[in-house]
Amino acid sequence: MNYNKEIIKICPNFYKITNFIPLENDVISEKIIKIYQEYIFRIDIYNNEDVEMVKNLDYIVSKYIDDYLFRKAFQKQIVEVRIKVDVKDKLKEMIKSIIKIFDKYEEDTTRIIYISRWI
């Protein structure tokens, strides 16, 4: 059965992402959007893990489009991702790597802010 409508309901940023036009010679953005489209339409909509990964991916790619600083940091780190040859589902491993990069970025940019005291 085709669950495309349900998948698009899960991904509120789908049209923003698919209609995004990357800058000329921005191969990484094109690949990220292509990976996004490939992955979301092949998940099992009844598998909670897949649905959560798609929701995360939708948010991350939307942030990638909107946030210039995240985009630059992401592009530096994504080229260093290595996926083992013996992995069965290479696309899912790539999605996990994208989520790890985002989590690390969030952790680094949202450090604890100490309130200084003026003397």
PDB file of N, CA and C in Angstrom:
ATOM      1  N   MET A   1       0.808  -1.175   0.000  1.00  0.00           N
ATOM      2  CA  MET A   1       0.000   0.000   0.000  1.00  0.00           C
ATOM      3  C   MET A   1       0.862   1.253   0.000  1.00  0.00           C
ATOM      4  N   ASN A   2       0.335   2.315  -0.500  1.00  0.00           N
ATOM      5  CA  ASN A   2       1.067   3.567  -0.587  1.00  0.00           C
ATOM      6  C   ASN A   2       0.645   4.491   0.557  1.00  0.00           C
ATOM      7  N   TYR A   3       1.611   4.864   1.396  1.00  0.00           N
ATOM      8  CA  TYR A   3       1.336   5.692   2.569  1.00  0.00           C
ATOM      9  C   TYR A   3       1.927   7.085   2.438  1.00  0.00           C
ATOM     10  N   ASN A   4       2.066   7.569   1.230  1.00  0.00           N
ATOM     11  CA  ASN A   4       2.724   8.863   1.024  1.00  0.00           C
ATOM     12  C   ASN A   4       2.016  10.015   1.741  1.00  0.00           C
ATOM     13  N   LYS A   5       0.704  10.034   1.731  1.00  0.00           N
ATOM     14  CA  LYS A   5      -0.027  11.121   2.392  1.00  0.00           C
ATOM     15  C   LYS A   5       0.207  11.110   3.902  1.00  0.00           C
ATOM     16  N   GLU A   6       0.235   9.925   4.498  1.00  0.00           N
ATOM     17  CA  GLU A   6       0.488   9.823   5.932  1.00  0.00           C
ATOM     18  C   GLU A   6       1.906  10.253   6.265  1.00  0.00           C
ATOM     19  N   ILE A   7       2.839   9.904   5.405  1.00  0.00           N
ATOM     20  CA  ILE A   7       4.232  10.283   5.622  1.00  0.00           C
ATOM     21  C   ILE A   7       4.385  11.794   5.532  1.00  0.00           C
ATOM     22  N   ILE A   8       3.725  12.411   4.582  1.00  0.00           N
ATOM     23  CA  ILE A   8       3.804  13.872   4.446  1.00  0.00           C
ATOM     24  C   ILE A   8       3.166  14.557   5.651  1.00  0.00           C
ATOM     25  N   LYS A   9       2.140  13.941   6.244  1.00  0.00           N
ATOM     26  CA  LYS A   9       1.551  14.501   7.467  1.00  0.00           C
ATOM     27  C   LYS A   9       2.554  14.450   8.620  1.00  0.00           C
ATOM     28  N   ILE A  10       3.375  13.423   8.638  1.00  0.00           N
ATOM     29  CA  ILE A  10       4.395  13.285   9.685  1.00  0.00           C
ATOM     30  C   ILE A  10       5.480  14.340   9.504  1.00  0.00           C
ATOM     31  N   CYS A  11       5.724  14.736   8.269  1.00  0.00           N
ATOM     32  CA  CYS A  11       6.807  15.672   7.930  1.00  0.00           C
ATOM     33  C   CYS A  11       6.221  17.046   7.585  1.00  0.00           C
ATOM     34  N   PRO A  12       6.086  17.923   8.572  1.00  0.00           N
ATOM     35  CA  PRO A  12       5.480  19.231   8.292  1.00  0.00           C
ATOM     36  C   PRO A  12       6.335  20.134   7.401  1.00  0.00           C
ATOM     37  N   ASN A  13       7.611  19.839   7.290  1.00  0.00           N
ATOM     38  CA  ASN A  13       8.517  20.675   6.493  1.00  0.00           C
ATOM     39  C   ASN A  13       8.809  20.088   5.115  1.00  0.00           C
ATOM     40  N   PHE A  14       8.047  19.097   4.714  1.00  0.00           N
ATOM     41  CA  PHE A  14       8.335  18.394   3.458  1.00  0.00           C
ATOM     42  C   PHE A  14       8.401  19.324   2.256  1.00  0.00           C
ATOM     43  N   TYR A  15       7.402  20.163   2.087  1.00  0.00           N
ATOM     44  CA  TYR A  15       7.365  21.016   0.898  1.00  0.00           C
ATOM     45  C   TYR A  15       8.438  22.100   0.941  1.00  0.00           C
ATOM     46  N   LYS A  16       8.727  22.601   2.123  1.00  0.00           N
ATOM     47  CA  LYS A  16       9.807  23.587   2.253  1.00  0.00           C
ATOM     48  C   LYS A  16      11.148  22.966   1.849  1.00  0.00           C
ATOM     49  N   ILE A  17      11.355  21.728   2.259  1.00  0.00           N
ATOM     50  CA  ILE A  17      12.618  21.045   1.966  1.00  0.00           C
ATOM     51  C   ILE A  17      12.717  20.692   0.490  1.00  0.00           C
ATOM     52  N   THR A  18      11.660  20.115  -0.060  1.00  0.00           N
ATOM     53  CA  THR A  18      11.727  19.685  -1.457  1.00  0.00           C
ATOM     54  C   THR A  18      11.733  20.853  -2.434  1.00  0.00           C
ATOM     55  N   ASN A  19      11.193  21.998  -2.019  1.00  0.00           N
ATOM     56  CA  ASN A  19      11.198  23.175  -2.893  1.00  0.00           C
ATOM     57  C   ASN A  19      12.425  24.057  -2.714  1.00  0.00           C
ATOM     58  N   PHE A  20      13.291  23.698  -1.785  1.00  0.00           N
ATOM     59  CA  PHE A  20      14.505  24.468  -1.548  1.00  0.00           C
ATOM     60  C   PHE A  20      15.449  24.341  -2.744  1.00  0.00           C
ATOM     61  N   ILE A  21      15.945  25.461  -3.206  1.00  0.00           N
ATOM     62  CA  ILE A  21      16.885  25.472  -4.319  1.00  0.00           C
ATOM     63  C   ILE A  21      18.259  25.844  -3.762  1.00  0.00           C
ATOM     64  N   PRO A  22      19.178  24.882  -3.712  1.00  0.00           N
ATOM     65  CA  PRO A  22      20.503  25.177  -3.169  1.00  0.00           C
ATOM     66  C   PRO A  22      21.305  26.082  -4.106  1.00  0.00           C
ATOM     67  N   LEU A  23      22.320  26.682  -3.538  1.00  0.00           N
ATOM     68  CA  LEU A  23      23.198  27.522  -4.343  1.00  0.00           C
ATOM     69  C   LEU A  23      23.880  26.691  -5.418  1.00  0.00           C
ATOM     70  N   GLU A  24      24.354  27.360  -6.435  1.00  0.00           N
ATOM     71  CA  GLU A  24      25.048  26.670  -7.511  1.00  0.00           C
ATOM     72  C   GLU A  24      26.297  26.000  -6.950  1.00  0.00           C
ATOM     73  N   ASN A  25      26.587  24.793  -7.373  1.00  0.00           N
ATOM     74  CA  ASN A  25      27.730  23.987  -6.952  1.00  0.00           C
ATOM     75  C   ASN A  25      27.642  23.545  -5.493  1.00  0.00           C
ATOM     76  N   ASP A  26      26.460  23.586  -4.885  1.00  0.00           N
ATOM     77  CA  ASP A  26      26.271  23.100  -3.522  1.00  0.00           C
ATOM     78  C   ASP A  26      25.788  21.652  -3.594  1.00  0.00           C
ATOM     79  N   VAL A  27      26.727  20.760  -3.803  1.00  0.00           N
ATOM     80  CA  VAL A  27      26.415  19.349  -3.998  1.00  0.00           C
ATOM     81  C   VAL A  27      25.893  18.715  -2.709  1.00  0.00           C
ATOM     82  N   ILE A  28      26.422  19.145  -1.588  1.00  0.00           N
ATOM     83  CA  ILE A  28      26.032  18.543  -0.313  1.00  0.00           C
ATOM     84  C   ILE A  28      24.552  18.785  -0.028  1.00  0.00           C
ATOM     85  N   SER A  29      24.088  19.998  -0.248  1.00  0.00           N
ATOM     86  CA  SER A  29      22.660  20.290  -0.009  1.00  0.00           C
ATOM     87  C   SER A  29      21.771  19.461  -0.926  1.00  0.00           C
ATOM     88  N   GLU A  30      22.167  19.324  -2.159  1.00  0.00           N
ATOM     89  CA  GLU A  30      21.396  18.508  -3.095  1.00  0.00           C
ATOM     90  C   GLU A  30      21.327  17.058  -2.622  1.00  0.00           C
ATOM     91  N   LYS A  31      22.447  16.530  -2.153  1.00  0.00           N
ATOM     92  CA  LYS A  31      22.491  15.141  -1.678  1.00  0.00           C
ATOM     93  C   LYS A  31      21.650  14.964  -0.413  1.00  0.00           C
ATOM     94  N   ILE A  32      21.702  15.937   0.489  1.00  0.00           N
ATOM     95  CA  ILE A  32      20.923  15.841   1.724  1.00  0.00           C
ATOM     96  C   ILE A  32      19.429  15.793   1.398  1.00  0.00           C
ATOM     97  N   ILE A  33      18.993  16.632   0.493  1.00  0.00           N
ATOM     98  CA  ILE A  33      17.583  16.642   0.104  1.00  0.00           C
ATOM     99  C   ILE A  33      17.205  15.333  -0.589  1.00  0.00           C
ATOM    100  N   LYS A  34      18.092  14.825  -1.408  1.00  0.00           N
ATOM    101  CA  LYS A  34      17.832  13.549  -2.092  1.00  0.00           C
ATOM    102  C   LYS A  34      17.746  12.399  -1.081  1.00  0.00           C
ATOM    103  N   ILE A  35      18.658  12.385  -0.119  1.00  0.00           N
ATOM    104  CA  ILE A  35      18.635  11.353   0.927  1.00  0.00           C
ATOM    105  C   ILE A  35      17.343  11.453   1.730  1.00  0.00           C
ATOM    106  N   TYR A  36      16.952  12.675   2.053  1.00  0.00           N
ATOM    107  CA  TYR A  36      15.702  12.916   2.787  1.00  0.00           C
ATOM    108  C   TYR A  36      14.517  12.317   2.030  1.00  0.00           C
ATOM    109  N   GLN A  37      14.413  12.619   0.757  1.00  0.00           N
ATOM    110  CA  GLN A  37      13.285  12.132  -0.037  1.00  0.00           C
ATOM    111  C   GLN A  37      13.305  10.610  -0.165  1.00  0.00           C
ATOM    112  N   GLU A  38      14.478  10.051  -0.359  1.00  0.00           N
ATOM    113  CA  GLU A  38      14.566   8.591  -0.487  1.00  0.00           C
ATOM    114  C   GLU A  38      14.152   7.905   0.800  1.00  0.00           C
ATOM    115  N   TYR A  39      14.630   8.418   1.921  1.00  0.00           N
ATOM    116  CA  TYR A  39      14.394   7.732   3.188  1.00  0.00           C
ATOM    117  C   TYR A  39      12.950   7.831   3.657  1.00  0.00           C
ATOM    118  N   ILE A  40      12.359   9.012   3.576  1.00  0.00           N
ATOM    119  CA  ILE A  40      11.025   9.147   4.170  1.00  0.00           C
ATOM    120  C   ILE A  40       9.972   8.316   3.449  1.00  0.00           C
ATOM    121  N   PHE A  41      10.155   8.081   2.166  1.00  0.00           N
ATOM    122  CA  PHE A  41       9.141   7.332   1.430  1.00  0.00           C
ATOM    123  C   PHE A  41       9.362   5.826   1.424  1.00  0.00           C
ATOM    124  N   ARG A  42      10.358   5.373   2.147  1.00  0.00           N
ATOM    125  CA  ARG A  42      10.556   3.930   2.191  1.00  0.00           C
ATOM    126  C   ARG A  42      10.416   3.358   3.589  1.00  0.00           C
ATOM    127  N   ILE A  43      10.001   4.183   4.543  1.00  0.00           N
ATOM    128  CA  ILE A  43       9.856   3.696   5.911  1.00  0.00           C
ATOM    129  C   ILE A  43       8.576   2.890   6.070  1.00  0.00           C
ATOM    130  N   ASP A  44       8.530   2.136   7.149  1.00  0.00           N
ATOM    131  CA  ASP A  44       7.314   1.444   7.552  1.00  0.00           C
ATOM    132  C   ASP A  44       6.585   2.380   8.511  1.00  0.00           C
ATOM    133  N   ILE A  45       5.444   2.860   8.111  1.00  0.00           N
ATOM    134  CA  ILE A  45       4.712   3.865   8.892  1.00  0.00           C
ATOM    135  C   ILE A  45       4.226   3.311  10.229  1.00  0.00           C
ATOM    136  N   TYR A  46       4.194   2.014  10.377  1.00  0.00           N
ATOM    137  CA  TYR A  46       3.757   1.386  11.622  1.00  0.00           C
ATOM    138  C   TYR A  46       4.912   1.057  12.558  1.00  0.00           C
ATOM    139  N   ASN A  47       6.117   1.354  12.137  1.00  0.00           N
ATOM    140  CA  ASN A  47       7.292   1.149  12.976  1.00  0.00           C
ATOM    141  C   ASN A  47       7.618   2.467  13.684  1.00  0.00           C
ATOM    142  N   ASN A  48       7.479   2.490  15.004  1.00  0.00           N
ATOM    143  CA  ASN A  48       7.668   3.719  15.771  1.00  0.00           C
ATOM    144  C   ASN A  48       9.084   4.283  15.638  1.00  0.00           C
ATOM    145  N   GLU A  49      10.070   3.411  15.565  1.00  0.00           N
ATOM    146  CA  GLU A  49      11.458   3.873  15.422  1.00  0.00           C
ATOM    147  C   GLU A  49      11.646   4.613  14.100  1.00  0.00           C
ATOM    148  N   ASP A  50      11.107   4.064  13.029  1.00  0.00           N
ATOM    149  CA  ASP A  50      11.199   4.721  11.722  1.00  0.00           C
ATOM    150  C   ASP A  50      10.483   6.064  11.712  1.00  0.00           C
ATOM    151  N   VAL A  51       9.314   6.114  12.323  1.00  0.00           N
ATOM    152  CA  VAL A  51       8.547   7.362  12.359  1.00  0.00           C
ATOM    153  C   VAL A  51       9.307   8.428  13.140  1.00  0.00           C
ATOM    154  N   GLU A  52       9.897   8.060  14.267  1.00  0.00           N
ATOM    155  CA  GLU A  52      10.675   9.019  15.054  1.00  0.00           C
ATOM    156  C   GLU A  52      11.897   9.512  14.281  1.00  0.00           C
ATOM    157  N   MET A  53      12.553   8.609  13.579  1.00  0.00           N
ATOM    158  CA  MET A  53      13.716   9.016  12.781  1.00  0.00           C
ATOM    159  C   MET A  53      13.297   9.984  11.676  1.00  0.00           C
ATOM    160  N   VAL A  54      12.152   9.745  11.070  1.00  0.00           N
ATOM    161  CA  VAL A  54      11.674  10.632  10.008  1.00  0.00           C
ATOM    162  C   VAL A  54      11.318  12.002  10.575  1.00  0.00           C
ATOM    163  N   LYS A  55      10.690  12.029  11.732  1.00  0.00           N
ATOM    164  CA  LYS A  55      10.368  13.313  12.366  1.00  0.00           C
ATOM    165  C   LYS A  55      11.649  14.089  12.675  1.00  0.00           C
ATOM    166  N   ASN A  56      12.642  13.395  13.224  1.00  0.00           N
ATOM    167  CA  ASN A  56      13.924  14.040  13.514  1.00  0.00           C
ATOM    168  C   ASN A  56      14.596  14.530  12.244  1.00  0.00           C
ATOM    169  N   LEU A  57      14.597  13.686  11.229  1.00  0.00           N
ATOM    170  CA  LEU A  57      15.226  14.057   9.966  1.00  0.00           C
ATOM    171  C   LEU A  57      14.538  15.265   9.349  1.00  0.00           C
ATOM    172  N   ASP A  58      13.227  15.300   9.410  1.00  0.00           N
ATOM    173  CA  ASP A  58      12.480  16.428   8.873  1.00  0.00           C
ATOM    174  C   ASP A  58      12.874  17.724   9.588  1.00  0.00           C
ATOM    175  N   TYR A  59      12.962  17.668  10.896  1.00  0.00           N
ATOM    176  CA  TYR A  59      13.349  18.852  11.673  1.00  0.00           C
ATOM    177  C   TYR A  59      14.787  19.267  11.356  1.00  0.00           C
ATOM    178  N   ILE A  60      15.679  18.288  11.280  1.00  0.00           N
ATOM    179  CA  ILE A  60      17.095  18.584  11.050  1.00  0.00           C
ATOM    180  C   ILE A  60      17.315  19.201   9.671  1.00  0.00           C
ATOM    181  N   VAL A  61      16.708  18.642   8.646  1.00  0.00           N
ATOM    182  CA  VAL A  61      16.895  19.177   7.297  1.00  0.00           C
ATOM    183  C   VAL A  61      16.248  20.561   7.183  1.00  0.00           C
ATOM    184  N   SER A  62      15.151  20.773   7.875  1.00  0.00           N
ATOM    185  CA  SER A  62      14.546  22.104   7.899  1.00  0.00           C
ATOM    186  C   SER A  62      15.481  23.111   8.568  1.00  0.00           C
ATOM    187  N   LYS A  63      16.087  22.709   9.654  1.00  0.00           N
ATOM    188  CA  LYS A  63      17.065  23.574  10.335  1.00  0.00           C
ATOM    189  C   LYS A  63      18.270  23.810   9.436  1.00  0.00           C
ATOM    190  N   TYR A  64      18.670  22.791   8.709  1.00  0.00           N
ATOM    191  CA  TYR A  64      19.783  22.908   7.765  1.00  0.00           C
ATOM    192  C   TYR A  64      19.489  23.990   6.727  1.00  0.00           C
ATOM    193  N   ILE A  65      18.284  24.036   6.250  1.00  0.00           N
ATOM    194  CA  ILE A  65      17.898  25.021   5.245  1.00  0.00           C
ATOM    195  C   ILE A  65      17.833  26.426   5.846  1.00  0.00           C
ATOM    196  N   ASP A  66      17.286  26.532   7.049  1.00  0.00           N
ATOM    197  CA  ASP A  66      17.052  27.837   7.665  1.00  0.00           C
ATOM    198  C   ASP A  66      18.280  28.449   8.336  1.00  0.00           C
ATOM    199  N   ASP A  67      19.120  27.633   8.920  1.00  0.00           N
ATOM    200  CA  ASP A  67      20.205  28.121   9.766  1.00  0.00           C
ATOM    201  C   ASP A  67      21.550  28.025   9.041  1.00  0.00           C
ATOM    202  N   TYR A  68      22.085  29.178   8.654  1.00  0.00           N
ATOM    203  CA  TYR A  68      23.337  29.230   7.900  1.00  0.00           C
ATOM    204  C   TYR A  68      24.502  28.649   8.704  1.00  0.00           C
ATOM    205  N   LEU A  69      24.581  28.969   9.985  1.00  0.00           N
ATOM    206  CA  LEU A  69      25.691  28.476  10.808  1.00  0.00           C
ATOM    207  C   LEU A  69      25.651  26.958  10.943  1.00  0.00           C
ATOM    208  N   PHE A  70      24.447  26.417  11.129  1.00  0.00           N
ATOM    209  CA  PHE A  70      24.320  24.965  11.197  1.00  0.00           C
ATOM    210  C   PHE A  70      24.695  24.326   9.870  1.00  0.00           C
ATOM    211  N   ARG A  71      24.292  24.949   8.781  1.00  0.00           N
ATOM    212  CA  ARG A  71      24.601  24.407   7.458  1.00  0.00           C
ATOM    213  C   ARG A  71      26.105  24.295   7.241  1.00  0.00           C
ATOM    214  N   LYS A  72      26.829  25.346   7.601  1.00  0.00           N
ATOM    215  CA  LYS A  72      28.290  25.333   7.418  1.00  0.00           C
ATOM    216  C   LYS A  72      28.953  24.297   8.312  1.00  0.00           C
ATOM    217  N   ALA A  73      28.518  24.216   9.576  1.00  0.00           N
ATOM    218  CA  ALA A  73      29.077  23.221  10.500  1.00  0.00           C
ATOM    219  C   ALA A  73      28.749  21.809  10.025  1.00  0.00           C
ATOM    220  N   PHE A  74      27.532  21.621   9.552  1.00  0.00           N
ATOM    221  CA  PHE A  74      27.088  20.318   9.071  1.00  0.00           C
ATOM    222  C   PHE A  74      27.900  19.884   7.850  1.00  0.00           C
ATOM    223  N   GLN A  75      28.110  20.813   6.922  1.00  0.00           N
ATOM    224  CA  GLN A  75      28.849  20.476   5.705  1.00  0.00           C
ATOM    225  C   GLN A  75      30.287  20.080   6.010  1.00  0.00           C
ATOM    226  N   LYS A  76      30.873  20.672   7.031  1.00  0.00           N
ATOM    227  CA  LYS A  76      32.240  20.296   7.414  1.00  0.00           C
ATOM    228  C   LYS A  76      32.286  18.891   7.993  1.00  0.00           C
ATOM    229  N   GLN A  77      31.259  18.523   8.758  1.00  0.00           N
ATOM    230  CA  GLN A  77      31.275  17.232   9.435  1.00  0.00           C
ATOM    231  C   GLN A  77      30.749  16.089   8.581  1.00  0.00           C
ATOM    232  N   ILE A  78      29.853  16.367   7.668  1.00  0.00           N
ATOM    233  CA  ILE A  78      29.240  15.289   6.891  1.00  0.00           C
ATOM    234  C   ILE A  78      30.240  14.633   5.939  1.00  0.00           C
ATOM    235  N   VAL A  79      31.219  15.393   5.475  1.00  0.00           N
ATOM    236  CA  VAL A  79      32.199  14.809   4.558  1.00  0.00           C
ATOM    237  C   VAL A  79      33.128  13.836   5.271  1.00  0.00           C
ATOM    238  N   GLU A  80      33.141  13.873   6.597  1.00  0.00           N
ATOM    239  CA  GLU A  80      33.994  12.966   7.367  1.00  0.00           C
ATOM    240  C   GLU A  80      33.274  11.683   7.772  1.00  0.00           C
ATOM    241  N   VAL A  81      31.998  11.567   7.457  1.00  0.00           N
ATOM    242  CA  VAL A  81      31.219  10.388   7.826  1.00  0.00           C
ATOM    243  C   VAL A  81      31.657   9.200   6.974  1.00  0.00           C
ATOM    244  N   ARG A  82      31.892   8.106   7.644  1.00  0.00           N
ATOM    245  CA  ARG A  82      32.261   6.860   6.962  1.00  0.00           C
ATOM    246  C   ARG A  82      31.254   5.785   7.354  1.00  0.00           C
ATOM    247  N   ILE A  83      30.765   5.087   6.368  1.00  0.00           N
ATOM    248  CA  ILE A  83      29.816   4.008   6.610  1.00  0.00           C
ATOM    249  C   ILE A  83      30.478   2.708   6.199  1.00  0.00           C
ATOM    250  N   LYS A  84      30.407   1.730   7.082  1.00  0.00           N
ATOM    251  CA  LYS A  84      31.060   0.444   6.844  1.00  0.00           C
ATOM    252  C   LYS A  84      30.434  -0.260   5.645  1.00  0.00           C
ATOM    253  N   VAL A  85      31.239  -1.032   4.983  1.00  0.00           N
ATOM    254  CA  VAL A  85      30.806  -1.736   3.772  1.00  0.00           C
ATOM    255  C   VAL A  85      29.820  -2.854   4.107  1.00  0.00           C
ATOM    256  N   ASP A  86      29.987  -3.499   5.254  1.00  0.00           N
ATOM    257  CA  ASP A  86      29.153  -4.646   5.593  1.00  0.00           C
ATOM    258  C   ASP A  86      27.795  -4.286   6.200  1.00  0.00           C
ATOM    259  N   VAL A  87      27.470  -3.004   6.255  1.00  0.00           N
ATOM    260  CA  VAL A  87      26.179  -2.566   6.795  1.00  0.00           C
ATOM    261  C   VAL A  87      25.083  -2.898   5.780  1.00  0.00           C
ATOM    262  N   LYS A  88      23.990  -3.482   6.266  1.00  0.00           N
ATOM    263  CA  LYS A  88      22.893  -3.868   5.372  1.00  0.00           C
ATOM    264  C   LYS A  88      22.150  -2.660   4.818  1.00  0.00           C
ATOM    265  N   ASP A  89      21.797  -1.724   5.696  1.00  0.00           N
ATOM    266  CA  ASP A  89      20.998  -0.570   5.297  1.00  0.00           C
ATOM    267  C   ASP A  89      21.846   0.701   5.383  1.00  0.00           C
ATOM    268  N   LYS A  90      22.524   1.002   4.298  1.00  0.00           N
ATOM    269  CA  LYS A  90      23.440   2.146   4.270  1.00  0.00           C
ATOM    270  C   LYS A  90      22.698   3.484   4.417  1.00  0.00           C
ATOM    271  N   LEU A  91      21.519   3.572   3.860  1.00  0.00           N
ATOM    272  CA  LEU A  91      20.739   4.811   3.948  1.00  0.00           C
ATOM    273  C   LEU A  91      20.336   5.103   5.396  1.00  0.00           C
ATOM    274  N   LYS A  92      19.923   4.079   6.118  1.00  0.00           N
ATOM    275  CA  LYS A  92      19.541   4.261   7.513  1.00  0.00           C
ATOM    276  C   LYS A  92      20.760   4.658   8.352  1.00  0.00           C
ATOM    277  N   GLU A  93      21.910   4.097   8.059  1.00  0.00           N
ATOM    278  CA  GLU A  93      23.135   4.477   8.764  1.00  0.00           C
ATOM    279  C   GLU A  93      23.497   5.932   8.471  1.00  0.00           C
ATOM    280  N   MET A  94      23.257   6.366   7.257  1.00  0.00           N
ATOM    281  CA  MET A  94      23.515   7.766   6.907  1.00  0.00           C
ATOM    282  C   MET A  94      22.588   8.684   7.694  1.00  0.00           C
ATOM    283  N   ILE A  95      21.342   8.298   7.838  1.00  0.00           N
ATOM    284  CA  ILE A  95      20.379   9.088   8.609  1.00  0.00           C
ATOM    285  C   ILE A  95      20.814   9.153  10.067  1.00  0.00           C
ATOM    286  N   LYS A  96      21.273   8.050  10.611  1.00  0.00           N
ATOM    287  CA  LYS A  96      21.768   8.042  11.989  1.00  0.00           C
ATOM    288  C   LYS A  96      22.965   8.977  12.143  1.00  0.00           C
ATOM    289  N   SER A  97      23.827   9.012  11.141  1.00  0.00           N
ATOM    290  CA  SER A  97      24.981   9.915  11.182  1.00  0.00           C
ATOM    291  C   SER A  97      24.530  11.372  11.139  1.00  0.00           C
ATOM    292  N   ILE A  98      23.534  11.669  10.344  1.00  0.00           N
ATOM    293  CA  ILE A  98      23.001  13.033  10.255  1.00  0.00           C
ATOM    294  C   ILE A  98      22.430  13.449  11.615  1.00  0.00           C
ATOM    295  N   ILE A  99      21.723  12.544  12.261  1.00  0.00           N
ATOM    296  CA  ILE A  99      21.139  12.846  13.569  1.00  0.00           C
ATOM    297  C   ILE A  99      22.239  13.051  14.609  1.00  0.00           C
ATOM    298  N   LYS A 100      23.292  12.244  14.548  1.00  0.00           N
ATOM    299  CA  LYS A 100      24.413  12.417  15.485  1.00  0.00           C
ATOM    300  C   LYS A 100      25.095  13.765  15.290  1.00  0.00           C
ATOM    301  N   ILE A 101      25.286  14.166  14.048  1.00  0.00           N
ATOM    302  CA  ILE A 101      25.909  15.473  13.773  1.00  0.00           C
ATOM    303  C   ILE A 101      25.048  16.582  14.354  1.00  0.00           C
ATOM    304  N   PHE A 102      23.737  16.486  14.159  1.00  0.00           N
ATOM    305  CA  PHE A 102      22.840  17.506  14.695  1.00  0.00           C
ATOM    306  C   PHE A 102      22.877  17.534  16.218  1.00  0.00           C
ATOM    307  N   ASP A 103      22.837  16.357  16.842  1.00  0.00           N
ATOM    308  CA  ASP A 103      22.866  16.303  18.303  1.00  0.00           C
ATOM    309  C   ASP A 103      24.152  16.919  18.848  1.00  0.00           C
ATOM    310  N   LYS A 104      25.267  16.641  18.196  1.00  0.00           N
ATOM    311  CA  LYS A 104      26.544  17.221  18.627  1.00  0.00           C
ATOM    312  C   LYS A 104      26.532  18.737  18.446  1.00  0.00           C
ATOM    313  N   TYR A 105      25.972  19.212  17.348  1.00  0.00           N
ATOM    314  CA  TYR A 105      25.876  20.650  17.103  1.00  0.00           C
ATOM    315  C   TYR A 105      25.015  21.313  18.178  1.00  0.00           C
ATOM    316  N   GLU A 106      23.878  20.716  18.487  1.00  0.00           N
ATOM    317  CA  GLU A 106      22.999  21.261  19.518  1.00  0.00           C
ATOM    318  C   GLU A 106      23.702  21.291  20.873  1.00  0.00           C
ATOM    319  N   GLU A 107      24.424  20.241  21.170  1.00  0.00           N
ATOM    320  CA  GLU A 107      25.145  20.163  22.445  1.00  0.00           C
ATOM    321  C   GLU A 107      26.220  21.248  22.525  1.00  0.00           C
ATOM    322  N   ASP A 108      26.921  21.467  21.433  1.00  0.00           N
ATOM    323  CA  ASP A 108      28.001  22.458  21.417  1.00  0.00           C
ATOM    324  C   ASP A 108      27.480  23.890  21.457  1.00  0.00           C
ATOM    325  N   THR A 109      26.355  24.148  20.822  1.00  0.00           N
ATOM    326  CA  THR A 109      25.865  25.523  20.750  1.00  0.00           C
ATOM    327  C   THR A 109      24.983  25.905  21.923  1.00  0.00           C
ATOM    328  N   THR A 110      24.485  24.941  22.655  1.00  0.00           N
ATOM    329  CA  THR A 110      23.627  25.258  23.796  1.00  0.00           C
ATOM    330  C   THR A 110      24.332  24.886  25.091  1.00  0.00           C
ATOM    331  N   ARG A 111      25.491  25.425  25.288  1.00  0.00           N
ATOM    332  CA  ARG A 111      26.229  25.187  26.524  1.00  0.00           C
ATOM    333  C   ARG A 111      25.596  25.982  27.664  1.00  0.00           C
ATOM    334  N   ILE A 112      25.968  25.620  28.854  1.00  0.00           N
ATOM    335  CA  ILE A 112      25.455  26.316  30.025  1.00  0.00           C
ATOM    336  C   ILE A 112      26.019  27.727  30.056  1.00  0.00           C
ATOM    337  N   ILE A 113      25.150  28.674  30.230  1.00  0.00           N
ATOM    338  CA  ILE A 113      25.562  30.063  30.282  1.00  0.00           C
ATOM    339  C   ILE A 113      25.624  30.485  31.742  1.00  0.00           C
ATOM    340  N   TYR A 114      26.789  30.941  32.148  1.00  0.00           N
ATOM    341  CA  TYR A 114      26.947  31.395  33.515  1.00  0.00           C
ATOM    342  C   TYR A 114      26.645  32.887  33.565  1.00  0.00           C
ATOM    343  N   ILE A 115      25.895  33.272  34.574  1.00  0.00           N
ATOM    344  CA  ILE A 115      25.560  34.674  34.739  1.00  0.00           C
ATOM    345  C   ILE A 115      26.673  35.310  35.566  1.00  0.00           C
ATOM    346  N   SER A 116      27.312  36.271  34.949  1.00  0.00           N
ATOM    347  CA  SER A 116      28.405  36.923  35.652  1.00  0.00           C
ATOM    348  C   SER A 116      27.850  37.980  36.596  1.00  0.00           C
ATOM    349  N   ARG A 117      28.600  38.263  37.586  1.00  0.00           N
ATOM    350  CA  ARG A 117      28.171  39.226  38.576  1.00  0.00           C
ATOM    351  C   ARG A 117      29.067  40.452  38.485  1.00  0.00           C
ATOM    352  N   TRP A 118      28.432  41.562  38.363  1.00  0.00           N
ATOM    353  CA  TRP A 118      29.194  42.813  38.259  1.00  0.00           C
ATOM    354  C   TRP A 118      29.586  43.264  39.655  1.00  0.00           C
ATOM    355  N   ILE A 119      30.802  43.633  39.760  1.00  0.00           N
ATOM    356  CA  ILE A 119      31.306  44.105  41.068  1.00  0.00           C
ATOM    357  C   ILE A 119      31.304  45.619  41.103  1.00  0.00           C
TER     358      ILE A 119
END
